[in-house]
Structure formats: structure tokens, C-alpha cells
């Protein structure tokens, strides 16, 4: 099992509902999405139509910090 590194990528006030924020974590450039109280972090597939499966990363909120898990 791989160790998970949680990295702070934003504050909860940095991203409005329905918006997307490009981020960079350990050389990867995923996008952070907010839909209501749900947060998602995905990479790849930025073109339309998407032809590759999207890689997803776990997201958690601690206080006002948004953290993403990068294996």
C-alpha cells in the first residue's frame, strides 16, 4: 500500500460553487472542482470530447483548508 501525502491546495473561500481551479501538486496539474459542499480533484481529459478516463484524487476539508491526496 502506498503512503498518501495530503497537500493543502486551496482555502475553502478560494473556489466558488460550480467553479474550477487549476492547481499543481508534486508536478501534477489536476483541477479542483467545487459543487455545493462537494469537492473533486481530477486530472487529464481537458479536451472535448474527453477520450481518456479521468484520474481522480481524494479531497478532504480541514477547517478552511482544502487538501488533496497524492499517492
PDB file of N, CA and C in Angstrom:
ATOM      1  N   UNK A   1       0.846  -1.188   0.000  1.00  0.00           N
ATOM      2  CA  UNK A   1       0.000   0.000   0.000  1.00  0.00           C
ATOM      3  C   UNK A   1       0.887   1.246   0.000  1.00  0.00           C
ATOM      4  N   UNK A   2       0.524   2.220  -0.805  1.00  0.00           N
ATOM      5  CA  UNK A   2       1.302   3.444  -0.923  1.00  0.00           C
ATOM      6  C   UNK A   2       0.921   4.427   0.172  1.00  0.00           C
ATOM      7  N   UNK A   3       1.903   5.166   0.643  1.00  0.00           N
ATOM      8  CA  UNK A   3       1.633   6.227   1.606  1.00  0.00           C
ATOM      9  C   UNK A   3       0.916   7.368   0.886  1.00  0.00           C
ATOM     10  N   UNK A   4       0.005   7.982   1.578  1.00  0.00           N
ATOM     11  CA  UNK A   4      -0.746   9.094   0.999  1.00  0.00           C
ATOM     12  C   UNK A   4      -0.224  10.389   1.593  1.00  0.00           C
ATOM     13  N   UNK A   5       0.104  11.322   0.740  1.00  0.00           N
ATOM     14  CA  UNK A   5       0.535  12.644   1.171  1.00  0.00           C
ATOM     15  C   UNK A   5      -0.597  13.629   0.953  1.00  0.00           C
ATOM     16  N   UNK A   6      -1.118  14.183   2.035  1.00  0.00           N
ATOM     17  CA  UNK A   6      -2.156  15.199   1.928  1.00  0.00           C
ATOM     18  C   UNK A   6      -1.475  16.555   1.788  1.00  0.00           C
ATOM     19  N   UNK A   7      -1.843  17.285   0.745  1.00  0.00           N
ATOM     20  CA  UNK A   7      -1.238  18.583   0.465  1.00  0.00           C
ATOM     21  C   UNK A   7      -2.314  19.650   0.422  1.00  0.00           C
ATOM     22  N   UNK A   8      -2.080  20.752   1.127  1.00  0.00           N
ATOM     23  CA  UNK A   8      -3.032  21.871   1.073  1.00  0.00           C
ATOM     24  C   UNK A   8      -2.904  22.523  -0.295  1.00  0.00           C
ATOM     25  N   UNK A   9      -4.040  22.649  -1.005  1.00  0.00           N
ATOM     26  CA  UNK A   9      -4.019  23.230  -2.345  1.00  0.00           C
ATOM     27  C   UNK A   9      -4.813  24.523  -2.454  1.00  0.00           C
ATOM     28  N   UNK A  10      -5.670  24.773  -1.470  1.00  0.00           N
ATOM     29  CA  UNK A  10      -6.502  25.982  -1.521  1.00  0.00           C
ATOM     30  C   UNK A  10      -7.198  26.160  -0.182  1.00  0.00           C
ATOM     31  N   UNK A  11      -7.827  27.300  -0.046  1.00  0.00           N
ATOM     32  CA  UNK A  11      -8.723  27.554   1.074  1.00  0.00           C
ATOM     33  C   UNK A  11     -10.155  27.400   0.584  1.00  0.00           C
ATOM     34  N   UNK A  12     -11.069  27.106   1.478  1.00  0.00           N
ATOM     35  CA  UNK A  12     -12.458  26.902   1.058  1.00  0.00           C
ATOM     36  C   UNK A  12     -13.064  28.159   0.433  1.00  0.00           C
ATOM     37  N   UNK A  13     -12.538  29.321   0.755  1.00  0.00           N
ATOM     38  CA  UNK A  13     -13.045  30.569   0.161  1.00  0.00           C
ATOM     39  C   UNK A  13     -12.407  30.885  -1.190  1.00  0.00           C
ATOM     40  N   UNK A  14     -11.425  30.086  -1.608  1.00  0.00           N
ATOM     41  CA  UNK A  14     -10.726  30.345  -2.878  1.00  0.00           C
ATOM     42  C   UNK A  14     -11.493  29.877  -4.107  1.00  0.00           C
ATOM     43  N   UNK A  15     -12.518  29.058  -3.906  1.00  0.00           N
ATOM     44  CA  UNK A  15     -13.230  28.484  -5.049  1.00  0.00           C
ATOM     45  C   UNK A  15     -14.731  28.548  -4.804  1.00  0.00           C
ATOM     46  N   UNK A  16     -15.445  29.261  -5.661  1.00  0.00           N
ATOM     47  CA  UNK A  16     -16.890  29.385  -5.545  1.00  0.00           C
ATOM     48  C   UNK A  16     -17.586  28.137  -6.073  1.00  0.00           C
ATOM     49  N   UNK A  17     -18.798  27.915  -5.624  1.00  0.00           N
ATOM     50  CA  UNK A  17     -19.610  26.787  -6.074  1.00  0.00           C
ATOM     51  C   UNK A  17     -19.742  26.794  -7.596  1.00  0.00           C
ATOM     52  N   UNK A  18     -19.518  25.632  -8.209  1.00  0.00           N
ATOM     53  CA  UNK A  18     -19.648  25.487  -9.655  1.00  0.00           C
ATOM     54  C   UNK A  18     -18.425  25.910 -10.448  1.00  0.00           C
ATOM     55  N   UNK A  19     -17.377  26.298  -9.765  1.00  0.00           N
ATOM     56  CA  UNK A  19     -16.164  26.764 -10.446  1.00  0.00           C
ATOM     57  C   UNK A  19     -15.057  25.711 -10.404  1.00  0.00           C
ATOM     58  N   UNK A  20     -14.008  25.946 -11.193  1.00  0.00           N
ATOM     59  CA  UNK A  20     -12.869  25.047 -11.292  1.00  0.00           C
ATOM     60  C   UNK A  20     -11.594  25.860 -11.063  1.00  0.00           C
ATOM     61  N   UNK A  21     -10.664  25.282 -10.322  1.00  0.00           N
ATOM     62  CA  UNK A  21      -9.397  25.940 -10.042  1.00  0.00           C
ATOM     63  C   UNK A  21      -8.250  25.028 -10.468  1.00  0.00           C
ATOM     64  N   UNK A  22      -7.422  25.442 -11.439  1.00  0.00           N
ATOM     65  CA  UNK A  22      -6.254  24.627 -11.788  1.00  0.00           C
ATOM     66  C   UNK A  22      -5.241  24.718 -10.652  1.00  0.00           C
ATOM     67  N   UNK A  23      -4.663  23.569 -10.287  1.00  0.00           N
ATOM     68  CA  UNK A  23      -3.674  23.537  -9.218  1.00  0.00           C
ATOM     69  C   UNK A  23      -2.455  22.750  -9.691  1.00  0.00           C
ATOM     70  N   UNK A  24      -1.378  22.795  -8.918  1.00  0.00           N
ATOM     71  CA  UNK A  24      -0.211  21.975  -9.207  1.00  0.00           C
ATOM     72  C   UNK A  24       0.261  21.337  -7.904  1.00  0.00           C
ATOM     73  N   UNK A  25       0.401  20.008  -7.935  1.00  0.00           N
ATOM     74  CA  UNK A  25       0.831  19.253  -6.763  1.00  0.00           C
ATOM     75  C   UNK A  25       1.865  18.228  -7.213  1.00  0.00           C
ATOM     76  N   UNK A  26       3.040  18.279  -6.647  1.00  0.00           N
ATOM     77  CA  UNK A  26       4.142  17.370  -6.971  1.00  0.00           C
ATOM     78  C   UNK A  26       4.294  17.126  -8.478  1.00  0.00           C
ATOM     79  N   UNK A  27       4.261  18.194  -9.251  1.00  0.00           N
ATOM     80  CA  UNK A  27       4.459  18.090 -10.687  1.00  0.00           C
ATOM     81  C   UNK A  27       3.219  17.728 -11.478  1.00  0.00           C
ATOM     82  N   UNK A  28       2.154  17.349 -10.801  1.00  0.00           N
ATOM     83  CA  UNK A  28       0.893  17.047 -11.496  1.00  0.00           C
ATOM     84  C   UNK A  28       0.061  18.322 -11.552  1.00  0.00           C
ATOM     85  N   UNK A  29      -0.786  18.430 -12.571  1.00  0.00           N
ATOM     86  CA  UNK A  29      -1.601  19.633 -12.735  1.00  0.00           C
ATOM     87  C   UNK A  29      -3.076  19.278 -12.852  1.00  0.00           C
ATOM     88  N   UNK A  30      -3.664  18.796 -11.760  1.00  0.00           N
ATOM     89  CA  UNK A  30      -5.087  18.484 -11.792  1.00  0.00           C
ATOM     90  C   UNK A  30      -5.921  19.754 -11.611  1.00  0.00           C
ATOM     91  N   UNK A  31      -7.220  19.582 -11.677  1.00  0.00           N
ATOM     92  CA  UNK A  31      -8.150  20.690 -11.465  1.00  0.00           C
ATOM     93  C   UNK A  31      -9.012  20.378 -10.247  1.00  0.00           C
ATOM     94  N   UNK A  32      -9.225  21.384  -9.424  1.00  0.00           N
ATOM     95  CA  UNK A  32     -10.065  21.265  -8.242  1.00  0.00           C
ATOM     96  C   UNK A  32     -11.446  21.806  -8.594  1.00  0.00           C
ATOM     97  N   UNK A  33     -12.484  21.006  -8.328  1.00  0.00           N
ATOM     98  CA  UNK A  33     -13.862  21.380  -8.655  1.00  0.00           C
ATOM     99  C   UNK A  33     -14.672  21.467  -7.370  1.00  0.00           C
ATOM    100  N   UNK A  34     -15.585  22.430  -7.324  1.00  0.00           N
ATOM    101  CA  UNK A  34     -16.486  22.554  -6.178  1.00  0.00           C
ATOM    102  C   UNK A  34     -17.917  22.550  -6.681  1.00  0.00           C
ATOM    103  N   UNK A  35     -18.721  21.644  -6.109  1.00  0.00           N
ATOM    104  CA  UNK A  35     -20.151  21.569  -6.437  1.00  0.00           C
ATOM    105  C   UNK A  35     -20.895  21.545  -5.103  1.00  0.00           C
ATOM    106  N   UNK A  36     -21.397  22.712  -4.716  1.00  0.00           N
ATOM    107  CA  UNK A  36     -22.031  22.814  -3.398  1.00  0.00           C
ATOM    108  C   UNK A  36     -20.988  22.571  -2.322  1.00  0.00           C
ATOM    109  N   UNK A  37     -21.272  21.608  -1.448  1.00  0.00           N
ATOM    110  CA  UNK A  37     -20.319  21.255  -0.395  1.00  0.00           C
ATOM    111  C   UNK A  37     -19.399  20.113  -0.806  1.00  0.00           C
ATOM    112  N   UNK A  38     -19.516  19.627  -2.032  1.00  0.00           N
ATOM    113  CA  UNK A  38     -18.683  18.523  -2.508  1.00  0.00           C
ATOM    114  C   UNK A  38     -17.480  19.086  -3.275  1.00  0.00           C
ATOM    115  N   UNK A  39     -16.333  18.452  -3.073  1.00  0.00           N
ATOM    116  CA  UNK A  39     -15.088  18.863  -3.712  1.00  0.00           C
ATOM    117  C   UNK A  39     -14.528  17.677  -4.479  1.00  0.00           C
ATOM    118  N   UNK A  40     -13.976  17.915  -5.669  1.00  0.00           N
ATOM    119  CA  UNK A  40     -13.422  16.872  -6.509  1.00  0.00           C
ATOM    120  C   UNK A  40     -12.094  17.361  -7.084  1.00  0.00           C
ATOM    121  N   UNK A  41     -11.182  16.437  -7.292  1.00  0.00           N
ATOM    122  CA  UNK A  41      -9.906  16.781  -7.905  1.00  0.00           C
ATOM    123  C   UNK A  41      -9.636  15.771  -9.009  1.00  0.00           C
ATOM    124  N   UNK A  42      -9.524  16.268 -10.246  1.00  0.00           N
ATOM    125  CA  UNK A  42      -9.345  15.391 -11.408  1.00  0.00           C
ATOM    126  C   UNK A  42      -8.214  15.888 -12.291  1.00  0.00           C
ATOM    127  N   UNK A  43      -7.645  14.952 -13.008  1.00  0.00           N
ATOM    128  CA  UNK A  43      -6.585  15.273 -13.945  1.00  0.00           C
ATOM    129  C   UNK A  43      -6.859  14.611 -15.278  1.00  0.00           C
ATOM    130  N   UNK A  44      -6.248  15.140 -16.334  1.00  0.00           N
ATOM    131  CA  UNK A  44      -6.395  14.657 -17.716  1.00  0.00           C
ATOM    132  C   UNK A  44      -7.782  14.973 -18.267  1.00  0.00           C
ATOM    133  N   UNK A  45      -7.961  14.637 -19.538  1.00  0.00           N
ATOM    134  CA  UNK A  45      -9.264  14.773 -20.180  1.00  0.00           C
ATOM    135  C   UNK A  45      -9.810  16.178 -20.248  1.00  0.00           C
ATOM    136  N   UNK A  46      -8.978  17.177 -20.485  1.00  0.00           N
ATOM    137  CA  UNK A  46      -9.447  18.558 -20.504  1.00  0.00           C
ATOM    138  C   UNK A  46     -10.087  18.960 -21.823  1.00  0.00           C
ATOM    139  N   UNK A  47      -9.909  18.158 -22.859  1.00  0.00           N
ATOM    140  CA  UNK A  47     -10.488  18.482 -24.159  1.00  0.00           C
ATOM    141  C   UNK A  47     -11.904  17.952 -24.291  1.00  0.00           C
ATOM    142  N   UNK A  48     -12.558  18.412 -25.302  1.00  0.00           N
ATOM    143  CA  UNK A  48     -13.914  17.930 -25.560  1.00  0.00           C
ATOM    144  C   UNK A  48     -13.935  17.280 -26.929  1.00  0.00           C
ATOM    145  N   UNK A  49     -14.438  16.100 -27.106  1.00  0.00           N
ATOM    146  CA  UNK A  49     -14.926  15.257 -26.011  1.00  0.00           C
ATOM    147  C   UNK A  49     -13.762  14.551 -25.319  1.00  0.00           C
ATOM    148  N   UNK A  50     -13.959  14.207 -24.066  1.00  0.00           N
ATOM    149  CA  UNK A  50     -12.923  13.513 -23.306  1.00  0.00           C
ATOM    150  C   UNK A  50     -12.787  12.101 -23.848  1.00  0.00           C
ATOM    151  N   UNK A  51     -11.563  11.698 -24.166  1.00  0.00           N
ATOM    152  CA  UNK A  51     -11.349  10.373 -24.739  1.00  0.00           C
ATOM    153  C   UNK A  51     -10.571   9.452 -23.806  1.00  0.00           C
ATOM    154  N   UNK A  52     -10.092   9.981 -22.670  1.00  0.00           N
ATOM    155  CA  UNK A  52      -9.363   9.175 -21.699  1.00  0.00           C
ATOM    156  C   UNK A  52     -10.089   9.213 -20.361  1.00  0.00           C
ATOM    157  N   UNK A  53      -9.932   8.133 -19.609  1.00  0.00           N
ATOM    158  CA  UNK A  53     -10.503   8.119 -18.263  1.00  0.00           C
ATOM    159  C   UNK A  53      -9.823   9.194 -17.423  1.00  0.00           C
ATOM    160  N   UNK A  54     -10.580   9.841 -16.564  1.00  0.00           N
ATOM    161  CA  UNK A  54     -10.026  10.876 -15.702  1.00  0.00           C
ATOM    162  C   UNK A  54      -9.417  10.252 -14.458  1.00  0.00           C
ATOM    163  N   UNK A  55      -8.267  10.704 -14.077  1.00  0.00           N
ATOM    164  CA  UNK A  55      -7.652  10.296 -12.818  1.00  0.00           C
ATOM    165  C   UNK A  55      -8.262  11.162 -11.727  1.00  0.00           C
ATOM    166  N   UNK A  56      -8.639  10.572 -10.632  1.00  0.00           N
ATOM    167  CA  UNK A  56      -9.215  11.345  -9.537  1.00  0.00           C
ATOM    168  C   UNK A  56      -8.330  11.222  -8.304  1.00  0.00           C
ATOM    169  N   UNK A  57      -8.371  12.225  -7.467  1.00  0.00           N
ATOM    170  CA  UNK A  57      -7.607  12.268  -6.229  1.00  0.00           C
ATOM    171  C   UNK A  57      -8.568  12.566  -5.087  1.00  0.00           C
ATOM    172  N   UNK A  58      -8.313  11.964  -3.938  1.00  0.00           N
ATOM    173  CA  UNK A  58      -9.156  12.205  -2.762  1.00  0.00           C
ATOM    174  C   UNK A  58      -8.985  13.644  -2.295  1.00  0.00           C
ATOM    175  N   UNK A  59     -10.085  14.211  -1.824  1.00  0.00           N
ATOM    176  CA  UNK A  59     -10.081  15.581  -1.308  1.00  0.00           C
ATOM    177  C   UNK A  59     -10.710  15.557   0.074  1.00  0.00           C
ATOM    178  N   UNK A  60     -10.140  16.321   0.998  1.00  0.00           N
ATOM    179  CA  UNK A  60     -10.772  16.474   2.306  1.00  0.00           C
ATOM    180  C   UNK A  60     -10.634  17.919   2.750  1.00  0.00           C
ATOM    181  N   UNK A  61     -11.569  18.318   3.589  1.00  0.00           N
ATOM    182  CA  UNK A  61     -11.590  19.671   4.128  1.00  0.00           C
ATOM    183  C   UNK A  61     -11.234  19.590   5.598  1.00  0.00           C
ATOM    184  N   UNK A  62     -10.276  20.393   6.020  1.00  0.00           N
ATOM    185  CA  UNK A  62      -9.921  20.513   7.426  1.00  0.00           C
ATOM    186  C   UNK A  62      -9.995  21.987   7.781  1.00  0.00           C
ATOM    187  N   UNK A  63     -11.034  22.344   8.516  1.00  0.00           N
ATOM    188  CA  UNK A  63     -11.253  23.757   8.811  1.00  0.00           C
ATOM    189  C   UNK A  63     -11.536  24.497   7.525  1.00  0.00           C
ATOM    190  N   UNK A  64     -10.691  25.451   7.174  1.00  0.00           N
ATOM    191  CA  UNK A  64     -10.863  26.189   5.915  1.00  0.00           C
ATOM    192  C   UNK A  64      -9.834  25.769   4.870  1.00  0.00           C
ATOM    193  N   UNK A  65      -9.120  24.660   5.127  1.00  0.00           N
ATOM    194  CA  UNK A  65      -8.114  24.171   4.186  1.00  0.00           C
ATOM    195  C   UNK A  65      -8.671  23.054   3.311  1.00  0.00           C
ATOM    196  N   UNK A  66      -8.361  23.106   2.011  1.00  0.00           N
ATOM    197  CA  UNK A  66      -8.709  22.055   1.077  1.00  0.00           C
ATOM    198  C   UNK A  66      -7.432  21.260   0.822  1.00  0.00           C
ATOM    199  N   UNK A  67      -7.471  19.947   1.130  1.00  0.00           N
ATOM    200  CA  UNK A  67      -6.311  19.079   0.990  1.00  0.00           C
ATOM    201  C   UNK A  67      -6.575  18.013  -0.052  1.00  0.00           C
ATOM    202  N   UNK A  68      -5.556  17.708  -0.850  1.00  0.00           N
ATOM    203  CA  UNK A  68      -5.668  16.679  -1.893  1.00  0.00           C
ATOM    204  C   UNK A  68      -4.647  15.591  -1.578  1.00  0.00           C
ATOM    205  N   UNK A  69      -5.056  14.322  -1.743  1.00  0.00           N
ATOM    206  CA  UNK A  69      -4.168  13.187  -1.512  1.00  0.00           C
ATOM    207  C   UNK A  69      -3.490  12.806  -2.815  1.00  0.00           C
ATOM    208  N   UNK A  70      -2.175  12.829  -2.805  1.00  0.00           N
ATOM    209  CA  UNK A  70      -1.394  12.428  -3.964  1.00  0.00           C
ATOM    210  C   UNK A  70      -0.578  11.203  -3.555  1.00  0.00           C
ATOM    211  N   UNK A  71      -0.796  10.065  -4.215  1.00  0.00           N
ATOM    212  CA  UNK A  71      -0.060   8.850  -3.828  1.00  0.00           C
ATOM    213  C   UNK A  71       1.425   8.964  -4.129  1.00  0.00           C
TER     214      UNK A  71
END
